[in-house]
């Protein structure tokens, strides 16, 4: 019932504000919501992995290490991991998409 009152209030609102019955717009809003939710879930997973990296680095007493073409370091303050891609003088810089 409260939802019906909200919809009625939107229909009586100013021009440009209200219930829109456009399938394409609704589909885009649904797609956006799905991507937003997936991004939030991915952020939680990344936080878990970052915590594991920090814990392992503490266990072996490392503050910075190189892995392939990346340098992984611990940033102080709100402790977090920074991963930076590096190149040597022989290699061209990586392509940015």
N, C-alpha and C. Protein backbone atom coordinates (compact mmCIF):
# COMPACT_ATOMS: atom_id res chain seq x y z
N UNK A 1 0.83 -1.19 0.00
CA UNK A 1 0.00 0.00 0.00
C UNK A 1 0.87 1.26 0.00
N UNK A 2 1.92 1.27 0.82
CA UNK A 2 2.80 2.43 0.87
C UNK A 2 3.45 2.67 -0.49
N UNK A 3 3.75 1.58 -1.20
CA UNK A 3 4.37 1.70 -2.50
C UNK A 3 3.41 2.39 -3.48
N UNK A 4 2.12 2.07 -3.40
CA UNK A 4 1.13 2.71 -4.26
C UNK A 4 1.07 4.21 -4.00
N UNK A 5 1.16 4.61 -2.74
CA UNK A 5 1.15 6.03 -2.40
C UNK A 5 2.38 6.72 -2.97
N UNK A 6 3.53 6.04 -2.90
CA UNK A 6 4.75 6.61 -3.45
C UNK A 6 4.63 6.80 -4.96
N UNK A 7 4.08 5.80 -5.64
CA UNK A 7 3.90 5.91 -7.08
C UNK A 7 2.92 7.02 -7.43
N UNK A 8 1.84 7.15 -6.66
CA UNK A 8 0.89 8.22 -6.90
C UNK A 8 1.55 9.58 -6.70
N UNK A 9 2.39 9.69 -5.69
CA UNK A 9 3.10 10.96 -5.44
C UNK A 9 4.02 11.28 -6.60
N UNK A 10 4.68 10.27 -7.16
CA UNK A 10 5.56 10.51 -8.30
C UNK A 10 4.77 10.97 -9.52
N UNK A 11 3.61 10.39 -9.74
CA UNK A 11 2.81 10.77 -10.89
C UNK A 11 2.32 12.21 -10.79
N UNK A 12 2.15 12.70 -9.56
CA UNK A 12 1.68 14.07 -9.36
C UNK A 12 2.83 15.07 -9.27
N UNK A 13 4.06 14.60 -9.39
CA UNK A 13 5.24 15.46 -9.24
C UNK A 13 5.41 16.37 -10.45
N UNK A 14 6.43 17.18 -10.38
CA UNK A 14 6.73 18.15 -11.44
C UNK A 14 7.05 17.44 -12.76
N UNK A 15 6.99 18.17 -13.87
CA UNK A 15 7.32 17.58 -15.17
C UNK A 15 8.75 17.02 -15.16
N UNK A 16 8.92 15.85 -15.75
CA UNK A 16 10.24 15.22 -15.79
C UNK A 16 10.50 14.30 -14.62
N UNK A 17 9.61 14.32 -13.64
CA UNK A 17 9.74 13.45 -12.47
C UNK A 17 8.51 12.59 -12.43
N UNK A 18 8.71 11.30 -12.34
CA UNK A 18 7.55 10.44 -12.27
C UNK A 18 7.84 9.04 -12.73
N UNK A 19 6.81 8.26 -12.82
CA UNK A 19 6.92 6.88 -13.25
C UNK A 19 7.11 6.88 -14.76
N UNK A 20 8.15 6.20 -15.22
CA UNK A 20 8.43 6.12 -16.65
C UNK A 20 8.18 4.69 -17.10
N UNK A 21 7.42 4.54 -18.15
CA UNK A 21 7.11 3.21 -18.67
C UNK A 21 7.83 3.04 -20.00
N UNK A 22 9.17 2.99 -19.91
CA UNK A 22 10.01 2.83 -21.09
C UNK A 22 10.83 1.56 -20.90
N UNK A 23 10.59 0.55 -21.72
CA UNK A 23 11.25 -0.74 -21.55
C UNK A 23 12.76 -0.64 -21.65
N UNK A 24 13.25 0.14 -22.59
CA UNK A 24 14.70 0.27 -22.77
C UNK A 24 15.33 0.92 -21.54
N UNK A 25 14.70 1.97 -21.02
CA UNK A 25 15.22 2.64 -19.83
C UNK A 25 15.19 1.71 -18.63
N UNK A 26 14.11 0.96 -18.48
CA UNK A 26 14.03 0.00 -17.37
C UNK A 26 15.09 -1.08 -17.50
N UNK A 27 15.33 -1.56 -18.72
CA UNK A 27 16.36 -2.58 -18.95
C UNK A 27 17.74 -2.03 -18.61
N UNK A 28 18.01 -0.79 -19.00
CA UNK A 28 19.30 -0.17 -18.67
C UNK A 28 19.47 0.00 -17.16
N UNK A 29 18.39 0.39 -16.49
CA UNK A 29 18.46 0.53 -15.02
C UNK A 29 18.71 -0.83 -14.37
N UNK A 30 18.07 -1.87 -14.88
CA UNK A 30 18.30 -3.22 -14.36
C UNK A 30 19.75 -3.65 -14.58
N UNK A 31 20.27 -3.39 -15.77
CA UNK A 31 21.65 -3.75 -16.09
C UNK A 31 22.62 -3.02 -15.17
N UNK A 32 22.37 -1.73 -14.96
CA UNK A 32 23.22 -0.93 -14.08
C UNK A 32 23.21 -1.50 -12.67
N UNK A 33 22.02 -1.84 -12.18
CA UNK A 33 21.88 -2.39 -10.83
C UNK A 33 22.65 -3.70 -10.69
N UNK A 34 22.55 -4.56 -11.70
CA UNK A 34 23.28 -5.83 -11.67
C UNK A 34 24.78 -5.60 -11.63
N UNK A 35 25.28 -4.68 -12.45
CA UNK A 35 26.72 -4.38 -12.49
C UNK A 35 27.17 -3.77 -11.16
N UNK A 36 26.35 -2.89 -10.59
CA UNK A 36 26.69 -2.27 -9.31
C UNK A 36 26.80 -3.33 -8.22
N UNK A 37 25.85 -4.26 -8.20
CA UNK A 37 25.86 -5.32 -7.19
C UNK A 37 27.07 -6.24 -7.39
N UNK A 38 27.40 -6.54 -8.65
CA UNK A 38 28.57 -7.38 -8.93
C UNK A 38 29.85 -6.67 -8.51
N UNK A 39 29.91 -5.36 -8.72
CA UNK A 39 31.07 -4.58 -8.32
C UNK A 39 31.24 -4.60 -6.81
N UNK A 40 30.15 -4.49 -6.07
CA UNK A 40 30.21 -4.53 -4.61
C UNK A 40 30.70 -5.89 -4.13
N UNK A 41 30.23 -6.95 -4.77
CA UNK A 41 30.67 -8.30 -4.39
C UNK A 41 32.15 -8.48 -4.71
N UNK A 42 32.59 -7.98 -5.85
CA UNK A 42 33.99 -8.07 -6.24
C UNK A 42 34.87 -7.28 -5.27
N UNK A 43 34.40 -6.12 -4.82
CA UNK A 43 35.16 -5.32 -3.86
C UNK A 43 35.34 -6.08 -2.55
N UNK A 44 34.32 -6.80 -2.11
CA UNK A 44 34.45 -7.61 -0.90
C UNK A 44 35.48 -8.70 -1.09
N UNK A 45 35.48 -9.36 -2.24
CA UNK A 45 36.46 -10.40 -2.52
C UNK A 45 37.87 -9.83 -2.55
N UNK A 46 38.04 -8.67 -3.18
CA UNK A 46 39.35 -8.03 -3.25
C UNK A 46 39.86 -7.66 -1.87
N UNK A 47 38.97 -7.18 -1.00
CA UNK A 47 39.37 -6.83 0.36
C UNK A 47 39.86 -8.07 1.10
N UNK A 48 39.20 -9.20 0.91
CA UNK A 48 39.63 -10.44 1.54
C UNK A 48 41.00 -10.87 1.06
N UNK A 49 41.24 -10.77 -0.24
CA UNK A 49 42.54 -11.14 -0.80
C UNK A 49 43.62 -10.17 -0.31
N UNK A 50 43.30 -8.89 -0.26
CA UNK A 50 44.26 -7.90 0.21
C UNK A 50 44.67 -8.19 1.65
N UNK A 51 43.72 -8.57 2.48
CA UNK A 51 44.01 -8.91 3.87
C UNK A 51 44.95 -10.11 3.94
N UNK A 52 44.71 -11.10 3.09
CA UNK A 52 45.58 -12.28 3.06
C UNK A 52 46.99 -11.91 2.62
N UNK A 53 47.10 -11.02 1.63
CA UNK A 53 48.42 -10.56 1.17
C UNK A 53 49.14 -9.85 2.31
N UNK A 54 48.45 -8.93 2.99
CA UNK A 54 49.06 -8.20 4.12
C UNK A 54 49.51 -9.16 5.22
N UNK A 55 48.66 -10.13 5.55
CA UNK A 55 49.01 -11.10 6.59
C UNK A 55 50.24 -11.90 6.20
N UNK A 56 50.29 -12.36 4.95
CA UNK A 56 51.43 -13.17 4.49
C UNK A 56 52.70 -12.33 4.46
N UNK A 57 52.60 -11.09 4.00
CA UNK A 57 53.77 -10.22 3.98
C UNK A 57 54.29 -9.99 5.39
N UNK A 58 53.37 -9.83 6.36
CA UNK A 58 53.78 -9.67 7.77
C UNK A 58 54.45 -10.95 8.28
N UNK A 59 53.91 -12.11 7.91
CA UNK A 59 54.47 -13.38 8.36
C UNK A 59 55.92 -13.56 7.92
N UNK A 60 56.20 -13.19 6.68
CA UNK A 60 57.56 -13.40 6.18
C UNK A 60 58.43 -12.15 6.31
N UNK A 61 57.88 -11.08 6.88
CA UNK A 61 58.66 -9.86 7.15
C UNK A 61 59.04 -9.06 5.92
N UNK A 62 58.15 -8.97 4.97
CA UNK A 62 58.42 -8.25 3.72
C UNK A 62 57.50 -7.04 3.63
N UNK A 63 58.06 -5.90 3.24
CA UNK A 63 57.26 -4.69 3.04
C UNK A 63 57.03 -4.42 1.55
N UNK A 64 57.98 -4.85 0.71
CA UNK A 64 57.90 -4.64 -0.74
C UNK A 64 58.46 -5.89 -1.42
N UNK A 65 57.81 -6.33 -2.47
CA UNK A 65 58.39 -7.41 -3.27
C UNK A 65 58.00 -7.25 -4.72
N UNK A 66 58.81 -7.87 -5.57
CA UNK A 66 58.55 -7.81 -7.01
C UNK A 66 58.01 -9.16 -7.45
N UNK A 67 56.98 -9.11 -8.26
CA UNK A 67 56.36 -10.30 -8.81
C UNK A 67 56.12 -10.05 -10.29
N UNK A 68 56.80 -10.81 -11.14
CA UNK A 68 56.73 -10.63 -12.59
C UNK A 68 57.01 -9.16 -12.93
N UNK A 69 56.08 -8.48 -13.55
CA UNK A 69 56.29 -7.07 -13.91
C UNK A 69 55.57 -6.13 -12.95
N UNK A 70 55.40 -6.57 -11.71
CA UNK A 70 54.68 -5.77 -10.70
C UNK A 70 55.52 -5.60 -9.44
N UNK A 71 55.35 -4.47 -8.81
CA UNK A 71 55.93 -4.25 -7.48
C UNK A 71 54.76 -4.14 -6.51
N UNK A 72 54.79 -4.97 -5.48
CA UNK A 72 53.74 -4.99 -4.47
C UNK A 72 54.31 -4.39 -3.20
N UNK A 73 53.64 -3.40 -2.64
CA UNK A 73 54.13 -2.75 -1.43
C UNK A 73 52.98 -2.49 -0.46
N UNK A 74 53.34 -2.33 0.81
CA UNK A 74 52.36 -2.01 1.84
C UNK A 74 52.35 -0.51 2.02
N UNK A 75 51.19 0.09 1.96
CA UNK A 75 51.02 1.52 2.22
C UNK A 75 50.53 1.68 3.65
N UNK A 76 51.17 2.58 4.38
CA UNK A 76 50.78 2.82 5.77
C UNK A 76 49.59 3.75 5.84
N UNK A 77 49.20 4.08 7.06
CA UNK A 77 47.97 4.84 7.27
C UNK A 77 46.86 3.82 7.38
N UNK A 78 45.91 3.86 6.49
CA UNK A 78 44.94 2.78 6.40
C UNK A 78 45.64 1.71 5.59
N UNK A 79 46.25 0.77 6.30
CA UNK A 79 47.11 -0.22 5.64
C UNK A 79 46.41 -0.89 4.48
N UNK A 80 47.05 -0.82 3.34
CA UNK A 80 46.55 -1.52 2.18
C UNK A 80 47.71 -1.85 1.25
N UNK A 81 47.43 -2.68 0.28
CA UNK A 81 48.44 -3.12 -0.67
C UNK A 81 48.36 -2.25 -1.91
N UNK A 82 49.53 -1.85 -2.38
CA UNK A 82 49.59 -1.11 -3.65
C UNK A 82 50.35 -1.99 -4.63
N UNK A 83 49.76 -2.21 -5.79
CA UNK A 83 50.40 -3.01 -6.82
C UNK A 83 50.62 -2.11 -8.03
N UNK A 84 51.88 -1.99 -8.39
CA UNK A 84 52.26 -1.09 -9.47
C UNK A 84 52.92 -1.90 -10.58
N UNK A 85 52.52 -1.68 -11.80
CA UNK A 85 53.13 -2.37 -12.93
C UNK A 85 54.36 -1.58 -13.34
N UNK A 86 55.48 -2.28 -13.52
CA UNK A 86 56.73 -1.62 -13.90
C UNK A 86 57.24 -2.21 -15.21
N UNK A 87 58.05 -1.43 -15.87
CA UNK A 87 58.68 -1.89 -17.10
C UNK A 87 60.18 -1.67 -16.99
N UNK A 88 60.93 -2.42 -17.75
CA UNK A 88 62.37 -2.19 -17.81
C UNK A 88 62.65 -1.28 -18.99
N UNK A 89 63.89 -0.84 -19.12
CA UNK A 89 64.25 0.05 -20.21
C UNK A 89 64.07 -0.63 -21.58
N UNK A 90 64.16 -1.96 -21.60
CA UNK A 90 64.05 -2.69 -22.86
C UNK A 90 62.62 -2.83 -23.36
N UNK A 91 61.65 -2.80 -22.44
CA UNK A 91 60.27 -3.06 -22.84
C UNK A 91 59.49 -1.77 -23.00
N UNK A 92 58.57 -1.78 -23.95
CA UNK A 92 57.70 -0.61 -24.08
C UNK A 92 56.69 -0.58 -22.93
N UNK A 93 56.16 0.58 -22.60
CA UNK A 93 55.15 0.64 -21.54
C UNK A 93 53.91 -0.13 -21.95
N UNK A 94 53.17 -0.67 -20.95
CA UNK A 94 51.97 -1.45 -21.28
C UNK A 94 50.89 -0.59 -21.90
N UNK A 95 50.11 -1.20 -22.77
CA UNK A 95 48.99 -0.51 -23.41
C UNK A 95 47.90 -0.26 -22.39
N UNK A 96 47.31 0.92 -22.41
CA UNK A 96 46.17 1.24 -21.53
C UNK A 96 44.92 1.13 -22.36
N UNK A 97 43.94 0.41 -21.82
CA UNK A 97 42.67 0.23 -22.53
C UNK A 97 41.75 1.37 -22.27
